Amino acid sequence: MDLSSKNGAFYAAVNQTSSISLSHVCLILFVLLVLVFALFTVWKRYLTSSVRHALREEVMLEVRSQMADYAQLDDGEGSNVNVREMKKFTF
C-alpha cells in the first residue's frame, strides 16, 4: 500500500488484482442454473414414479376388495362356481 499526499490529504493506492470478473460471475450463475434444472428433472421423475407406484397399489387393493365381495356373494348363493385366486402382477 502506497501513501501519497495531495493537497494535504493522504490517499492510499490499493492494488485490486484479486477481483472476480463479470465473465466468472456469469459462468457461476450458469452452472448453478444447470444444477438446479438437473435436480428439478430428477425430482420430477422420482415424484412421477412414486405416484404411479402408489396408484398401482391402490388399484390392486380395490380390485382385491371387489373380488372378495364378489366371492362372498357367490358363496352365499350356493353355486358350484370355483373362485380363482388373483395372482399378483408386477409391472
N, C-alpha and C. Protein backbone atom coordinates (compact mmCIF):
# COMPACT_ATOMS: atom_id res chain seq x y z
N MET A 1 0.85 -1.16 0.00
CA MET A 1 0.00 0.00 0.00
C MET A 1 0.91 1.24 0.00
N ASP A 2 0.60 2.13 -0.87
CA ASP A 2 1.43 3.31 -1.03
C ASP A 2 0.64 4.55 -0.57
N LEU A 3 1.20 5.33 0.34
CA LEU A 3 0.55 6.56 0.82
C LEU A 3 1.15 7.74 0.08
N SER A 4 0.31 8.56 -0.49
CA SER A 4 0.78 9.76 -1.16
C SER A 4 -0.02 10.95 -0.67
N SER A 5 0.57 12.12 -0.76
CA SER A 5 -0.07 13.32 -0.24
C SER A 5 -0.47 14.22 -1.40
N LYS A 6 -1.74 14.64 -1.39
CA LYS A 6 -2.26 15.56 -2.38
C LYS A 6 -3.06 16.62 -1.63
N ASN A 7 -2.68 17.82 -1.74
CA ASN A 7 -3.36 18.94 -1.08
C ASN A 7 -3.47 18.72 0.43
N GLY A 8 -2.52 18.15 1.03
CA GLY A 8 -2.50 17.98 2.47
C GLY A 8 -3.27 16.76 2.95
N ALA A 9 -3.93 15.99 2.06
CA ALA A 9 -4.68 14.80 2.46
C ALA A 9 -3.90 13.57 2.00
N PHE A 10 -4.02 12.53 2.73
CA PHE A 10 -3.32 11.30 2.39
C PHE A 10 -4.28 10.34 1.66
N TYR A 11 -3.81 9.79 0.58
CA TYR A 11 -4.58 8.82 -0.21
C TYR A 11 -3.81 7.52 -0.26
N ALA A 12 -4.53 6.44 -0.19
CA ALA A 12 -3.89 5.13 -0.25
C ALA A 12 -4.14 4.51 -1.62
N ALA A 13 -3.12 4.08 -2.27
CA ALA A 13 -3.24 3.39 -3.55
C ALA A 13 -3.33 1.89 -3.27
N VAL A 14 -4.43 1.28 -3.70
CA VAL A 14 -4.67 -0.13 -3.43
C VAL A 14 -4.65 -0.89 -4.74
N ASN A 15 -3.96 -1.99 -4.76
CA ASN A 15 -3.88 -2.84 -5.95
C ASN A 15 -5.04 -3.83 -5.92
N GLN A 16 -5.91 -3.82 -6.94
CA GLN A 16 -7.09 -4.68 -6.95
C GLN A 16 -6.97 -5.76 -8.02
N THR A 17 -6.06 -6.63 -7.85
CA THR A 17 -5.88 -7.70 -8.83
C THR A 17 -6.65 -8.97 -8.45
N SER A 18 -7.26 -9.03 -7.28
CA SER A 18 -7.94 -10.24 -6.84
C SER A 18 -9.46 -10.16 -6.97
N SER A 19 -9.97 -9.34 -7.85
CA SER A 19 -11.42 -9.22 -8.01
C SER A 19 -11.94 -10.29 -8.97
N ILE A 20 -13.21 -10.56 -8.90
CA ILE A 20 -13.85 -11.55 -9.76
C ILE A 20 -14.41 -10.81 -10.97
N SER A 21 -14.11 -11.32 -12.14
CA SER A 21 -14.58 -10.65 -13.36
C SER A 21 -16.04 -10.99 -13.64
N LEU A 22 -16.64 -10.21 -14.50
CA LEU A 22 -18.04 -10.42 -14.86
C LEU A 22 -18.25 -11.76 -15.56
N SER A 23 -17.29 -12.19 -16.33
CA SER A 23 -17.41 -13.48 -17.02
C SER A 23 -17.43 -14.64 -16.02
N HIS A 24 -16.65 -14.53 -14.94
CA HIS A 24 -16.67 -15.57 -13.91
C HIS A 24 -18.01 -15.61 -13.19
N VAL A 25 -18.58 -14.45 -12.91
CA VAL A 25 -19.89 -14.39 -12.25
C VAL A 25 -20.95 -15.01 -13.15
N CYS A 26 -20.93 -14.69 -14.44
CA CYS A 26 -21.89 -15.27 -15.38
C CYS A 26 -21.73 -16.78 -15.48
N LEU A 27 -20.49 -17.24 -15.50
CA LEU A 27 -20.23 -18.68 -15.57
C LEU A 27 -20.76 -19.39 -14.33
N ILE A 28 -20.53 -18.82 -13.17
CA ILE A 28 -21.01 -19.42 -11.92
C ILE A 28 -22.53 -19.48 -11.90
N LEU A 29 -23.19 -18.40 -12.32
CA LEU A 29 -24.65 -18.39 -12.37
C LEU A 29 -25.19 -19.42 -13.35
N PHE A 30 -24.53 -19.56 -14.49
CA PHE A 30 -24.96 -20.55 -15.48
C PHE A 30 -24.84 -21.97 -14.93
N VAL A 31 -23.73 -22.25 -14.26
CA VAL A 31 -23.54 -23.59 -13.67
C VAL A 31 -24.59 -23.86 -12.60
N LEU A 32 -24.88 -22.86 -11.78
CA LEU A 32 -25.91 -23.03 -10.76
C LEU A 32 -27.28 -23.28 -11.38
N LEU A 33 -27.61 -22.57 -12.44
CA LEU A 33 -28.89 -22.79 -13.11
C LEU A 33 -28.99 -24.19 -13.71
N VAL A 34 -27.90 -24.66 -14.29
CA VAL A 34 -27.89 -26.02 -14.86
C VAL A 34 -28.07 -27.05 -13.75
N LEU A 35 -27.41 -26.86 -12.61
CA LEU A 35 -27.55 -27.80 -11.49
C LEU A 35 -28.98 -27.80 -10.95
N VAL A 36 -29.57 -26.63 -10.80
CA VAL A 36 -30.95 -26.55 -10.31
C VAL A 36 -31.90 -27.24 -11.29
N PHE A 37 -31.70 -27.02 -12.58
CA PHE A 37 -32.54 -27.66 -13.58
C PHE A 37 -32.39 -29.18 -13.55
N ALA A 38 -31.16 -29.66 -13.40
CA ALA A 38 -30.92 -31.11 -13.34
C ALA A 38 -31.56 -31.72 -12.10
N LEU A 39 -31.43 -31.05 -10.96
CA LEU A 39 -32.05 -31.56 -9.73
C LEU A 39 -33.57 -31.55 -9.83
N PHE A 40 -34.14 -30.53 -10.45
CA PHE A 40 -35.58 -30.48 -10.64
C PHE A 40 -36.06 -31.63 -11.54
N THR A 41 -35.31 -31.92 -12.60
CA THR A 41 -35.68 -33.01 -13.51
C THR A 41 -35.64 -34.36 -12.79
N VAL A 42 -34.61 -34.59 -11.99
CA VAL A 42 -34.50 -35.86 -11.24
C VAL A 42 -35.64 -35.96 -10.23
N TRP A 43 -35.93 -34.86 -9.53
CA TRP A 43 -37.03 -34.86 -8.56
C TRP A 43 -38.37 -35.12 -9.23
N LYS A 44 -38.59 -34.55 -10.41
CA LYS A 44 -39.85 -34.75 -11.12
C LYS A 44 -40.01 -36.22 -11.54
N ARG A 45 -38.94 -36.84 -12.01
CA ARG A 45 -39.01 -38.25 -12.37
C ARG A 45 -39.31 -39.12 -11.15
N TYR A 46 -38.68 -38.83 -10.03
CA TYR A 46 -38.92 -39.59 -8.80
C TYR A 46 -40.37 -39.42 -8.36
N LEU A 47 -40.87 -38.20 -8.39
CA LEU A 47 -42.25 -37.94 -7.97
C LEU A 47 -43.25 -38.67 -8.88
N THR A 48 -43.03 -38.63 -10.18
CA THR A 48 -43.90 -39.33 -11.12
C THR A 48 -43.88 -40.83 -10.85
N SER A 49 -42.71 -41.38 -10.64
CA SER A 49 -42.58 -42.81 -10.37
C SER A 49 -43.29 -43.21 -9.08
N SER A 50 -43.12 -42.42 -8.03
CA SER A 50 -43.76 -42.78 -6.76
C SER A 50 -45.28 -42.65 -6.83
N VAL A 51 -45.77 -41.66 -7.57
CA VAL A 51 -47.23 -41.52 -7.73
C VAL A 51 -47.79 -42.70 -8.51
N ARG A 52 -47.10 -43.11 -9.56
CA ARG A 52 -47.57 -44.27 -10.34
C ARG A 52 -47.58 -45.53 -9.48
N HIS A 53 -46.55 -45.71 -8.68
CA HIS A 53 -46.47 -46.89 -7.81
C HIS A 53 -47.61 -46.88 -6.79
N ALA A 54 -47.86 -45.74 -6.17
CA ALA A 54 -48.93 -45.65 -5.18
C ALA A 54 -50.30 -45.88 -5.83
N LEU A 55 -50.50 -45.35 -7.01
CA LEU A 55 -51.77 -45.54 -7.72
C LEU A 55 -51.97 -47.01 -8.09
N ARG A 56 -50.89 -47.66 -8.53
CA ARG A 56 -50.97 -49.08 -8.88
C ARG A 56 -51.35 -49.92 -7.65
N GLU A 57 -50.74 -49.62 -6.51
CA GLU A 57 -51.06 -50.34 -5.28
C GLU A 57 -52.51 -50.10 -4.87
N GLU A 58 -52.96 -48.87 -5.00
CA GLU A 58 -54.35 -48.54 -4.63
C GLU A 58 -55.35 -49.28 -5.52
N VAL A 59 -55.06 -49.36 -6.81
CA VAL A 59 -55.94 -50.08 -7.73
C VAL A 59 -55.97 -51.57 -7.40
N MET A 60 -54.81 -52.14 -7.10
CA MET A 60 -54.77 -53.57 -6.76
C MET A 60 -55.54 -53.85 -5.47
N LEU A 61 -55.45 -52.96 -4.49
CA LEU A 61 -56.23 -53.15 -3.26
C LEU A 61 -57.73 -53.08 -3.54
N GLU A 62 -58.12 -52.16 -4.40
CA GLU A 62 -59.54 -52.03 -4.74
C GLU A 62 -60.03 -53.26 -5.50
N VAL A 63 -59.22 -53.77 -6.43
CA VAL A 63 -59.61 -54.97 -7.18
C VAL A 63 -59.75 -56.16 -6.24
N ARG A 64 -58.79 -56.32 -5.33
CA ARG A 64 -58.88 -57.43 -4.38
C ARG A 64 -60.11 -57.31 -3.49
N SER A 65 -60.43 -56.09 -3.08
CA SER A 65 -61.61 -55.87 -2.25
C SER A 65 -62.88 -56.24 -3.01
N GLN A 66 -62.95 -55.81 -4.27
CA GLN A 66 -64.13 -56.13 -5.08
C GLN A 66 -64.23 -57.63 -5.35
N MET A 67 -63.10 -58.29 -5.58
CA MET A 67 -63.11 -59.74 -5.79
C MET A 67 -63.55 -60.47 -4.53
N ALA A 68 -63.13 -59.98 -3.37
CA ALA A 68 -63.55 -60.60 -2.11
C ALA A 68 -65.05 -60.44 -1.91
N ASP A 69 -65.59 -59.26 -2.23
CA ASP A 69 -67.04 -59.06 -2.14
C ASP A 69 -67.78 -59.97 -3.10
N TYR A 70 -67.24 -60.13 -4.31
CA TYR A 70 -67.87 -60.99 -5.30
C TYR A 70 -67.83 -62.44 -4.84
N ALA A 71 -66.72 -62.87 -4.25
CA ALA A 71 -66.60 -64.25 -3.77
C ALA A 71 -67.59 -64.50 -2.63
N GLN A 72 -67.81 -63.51 -1.77
CA GLN A 72 -68.77 -63.69 -0.68
C GLN A 72 -70.18 -63.79 -1.23
N LEU A 73 -70.51 -63.01 -2.22
CA LEU A 73 -71.84 -63.11 -2.83
C LEU A 73 -72.01 -64.45 -3.52
N ASP A 74 -70.98 -64.89 -4.21
CA ASP A 74 -71.05 -66.15 -4.93
C ASP A 74 -71.19 -67.32 -3.96
N ASP A 75 -70.48 -67.30 -2.85
CA ASP A 75 -70.58 -68.36 -1.86
C ASP A 75 -71.93 -68.36 -1.17
N GLY A 76 -72.51 -67.21 -1.00
CA GLY A 76 -73.79 -67.11 -0.32
C GLY A 76 -74.94 -67.70 -1.11
N GLU A 77 -74.83 -67.74 -2.43
CA GLU A 77 -75.90 -68.28 -3.27
C GLU A 77 -75.83 -69.80 -3.38
N GLY A 78 -74.73 -70.38 -3.00
CA GLY A 78 -74.61 -71.83 -3.04
C GLY A 78 -74.30 -72.38 -4.42
N SER A 79 -73.74 -71.62 -5.29
CA SER A 79 -73.42 -72.11 -6.63
C SER A 79 -72.15 -72.95 -6.59
N ASN A 80 -71.90 -73.69 -7.64
CA ASN A 80 -70.75 -74.58 -7.71
C ASN A 80 -69.58 -73.96 -8.46
N VAL A 81 -69.59 -72.66 -8.66
CA VAL A 81 -68.52 -71.99 -9.41
C VAL A 81 -67.32 -71.79 -8.49
N ASN A 82 -66.14 -72.21 -8.96
CA ASN A 82 -64.92 -72.02 -8.19
C ASN A 82 -64.38 -70.62 -8.43
N VAL A 83 -64.06 -69.93 -7.36
CA VAL A 83 -63.47 -68.60 -7.48
C VAL A 83 -61.97 -68.77 -7.49
N ARG A 84 -61.34 -68.24 -8.52
CA ARG A 84 -59.89 -68.35 -8.64
C ARG A 84 -59.22 -67.24 -7.83
N GLU A 85 -58.09 -67.59 -7.30
CA GLU A 85 -57.33 -66.60 -6.54
C GLU A 85 -56.59 -65.70 -7.50
N MET A 86 -56.60 -64.39 -7.23
CA MET A 86 -55.89 -63.44 -8.08
C MET A 86 -54.41 -63.58 -7.88
N LYS A 87 -53.68 -63.60 -8.98
CA LYS A 87 -52.22 -63.63 -8.90
C LYS A 87 -51.70 -62.19 -8.88
N LYS A 88 -50.61 -61.98 -8.21
CA LYS A 88 -50.04 -60.65 -8.13
C LYS A 88 -49.24 -60.39 -9.41
N PHE A 89 -49.56 -59.30 -10.04
CA PHE A 89 -48.86 -58.91 -11.25
C PHE A 89 -47.86 -57.82 -10.90
N THR A 90 -46.68 -57.91 -11.47
CA THR A 90 -45.69 -56.87 -11.27
C THR A 90 -45.40 -56.22 -12.60
N PHE A 91 -45.25 -54.93 -12.55
CA PHE A 91 -45.00 -54.16 -13.78
C PHE A 91 -43.60 -53.64 -13.78
